[in-house]
Amino acid sequence: MVRLLLDKGANINLPGGDYGSPLGSACYGGKMEAVHFLLENGADIKTHGSSALKAAKRGWGMEKERSEVIDLLKDKGAVGPDKDEDEPDEEDS
């Protein structure tokens, strides 16, 4: 589906949606193949990396899939918080 949309002229870096971008949506779902495809076809890791990391951490994918997506994003240069914003700081506990 992603390939079809890109072939029809969809903007791979279009901001918006619940997860910030197409890359964020793929990360939230733990869809490693789609994440690879988007990155290989021009998804901007500098612009969308932080929101994609957040989406991957909060995603519904299985733990192993989320971990693999997070590792891939970081390997490609995504930067963001090391923990979710909802997690309390250790001093707050």
Protein backbone atom coordinates (compact mmCIF):
# COMPACT_ATOMS: atom_id res chain seq x y z
CA MET A 1 0.00 0.00 0.00
CA VAL A 2 2.80 2.43 0.88
CA ARG A 3 4.51 1.77 -2.46
CA LEU A 4 1.23 2.39 -4.32
CA LEU A 5 0.67 5.69 -2.54
CA LEU A 6 4.21 6.86 -3.32
CA ASP A 7 3.84 5.76 -6.93
CA LYS A 8 0.70 7.91 -7.11
CA GLY A 9 2.62 10.94 -5.81
CA ALA A 10 1.99 10.88 -2.07
CA ASN A 11 4.39 13.02 -0.01
CA ILE A 12 6.52 10.65 2.07
CA ASN A 13 7.22 13.45 4.57
CA LEU A 14 3.71 14.86 4.87
CA PRO A 15 3.30 15.99 8.48
CA GLY A 16 0.12 15.21 10.34
CA GLY A 17 -2.04 12.39 11.53
CA ASP A 18 -2.03 10.82 14.95
CA TYR A 19 1.66 9.89 14.74
CA GLY A 20 3.16 12.95 13.06
CA SER A 21 4.06 11.42 9.69
CA PRO A 22 3.86 8.24 7.61
CA LEU A 23 7.09 7.15 9.31
CA GLY A 24 5.52 7.69 12.73
CA SER A 25 2.47 5.64 11.75
CA ALA A 26 4.62 2.73 10.60
CA CYS A 27 6.66 2.93 13.79
CA TYR A 28 3.56 2.96 16.00
CA GLY A 29 2.36 -0.24 14.37
CA GLY A 30 5.76 -1.91 14.66
CA LYS A 31 5.77 -2.39 10.88
CA MET A 32 9.50 -2.92 10.32
CA GLU A 33 9.15 -3.57 6.58
CA ALA A 34 7.23 -0.31 6.10
CA VAL A 35 9.73 1.61 8.28
CA HIS A 36 12.63 0.29 6.15
CA PHE A 37 10.75 1.12 2.94
CA LEU A 38 9.96 4.66 4.05
CA LEU A 39 13.53 5.34 5.16
CA GLU A 40 14.95 3.89 1.94
CA ASN A 41 12.61 6.08 -0.11
CA GLY A 42 13.30 9.43 1.50
CA ALA A 43 11.49 9.64 4.84
CA ASP A 44 13.27 12.47 6.65
CA ILE A 45 14.71 11.04 9.87
CA LYS A 46 15.97 14.50 10.93
CA THR A 47 12.48 16.01 10.75
CA HIS A 48 10.36 13.07 11.89
CA GLY A 49 12.78 10.96 13.95
CA SER A 50 11.76 12.22 17.38
CA SER A 51 8.02 11.78 16.78
CA ALA A 52 8.68 8.38 15.17
CA LEU A 53 10.64 7.27 18.25
CA LYS A 54 7.80 8.40 20.49
CA ALA A 55 5.27 6.56 18.30
CA ALA A 56 7.37 3.37 18.37
CA LYS A 57 7.66 3.49 22.16
CA ARG A 58 3.91 3.90 22.59
CA GLY A 59 2.94 1.59 19.75
CA TRP A 60 0.87 -1.53 19.85
CA GLY A 61 3.49 -3.67 18.12
CA MET A 62 4.92 -6.56 20.10
CA GLU A 63 7.82 -5.66 22.40
CA LYS A 64 10.41 -7.26 20.09
CA GLU A 65 9.07 -5.36 17.05
CA ARG A 66 9.01 -2.05 18.93
CA SER A 67 12.56 -2.60 20.15
CA GLU A 68 13.79 -3.37 16.61
CA VAL A 69 12.07 -0.28 15.20
CA ILE A 70 13.54 1.93 17.95
CA ASP A 71 17.03 0.52 17.35
CA LEU A 72 16.70 1.10 13.58
CA LEU A 73 15.56 4.70 14.07
CA LYS A 74 18.46 5.44 16.40
CA ASP A 75 20.91 3.78 13.99
CA LYS A 76 19.59 6.08 11.24
CA GLY A 77 20.13 9.14 13.42
CA ALA A 78 16.81 9.75 15.15
CA VAL A 79 17.14 11.55 18.45
CA GLY A 80 14.53 11.94 21.14
CA PRO A 81 13.84 11.30 24.78
CA ASP A 82 15.25 8.08 26.22
CA LYS A 83 12.00 7.51 28.09
CA ASP A 84 8.36 8.32 27.58
CA GLU A 85 7.19 11.70 28.80
CA ASP A 86 4.53 9.96 30.89
CA GLU A 87 7.09 8.04 32.94
CA PRO A 88 7.86 9.72 36.28
CA ASP A 89 11.41 10.83 36.96
CA GLU A 90 13.18 8.79 39.59
CA GLU A 91 13.24 11.86 41.86
CA ASP A 92 9.43 12.07 41.56
CA SER A 93 8.92 8.52 42.81
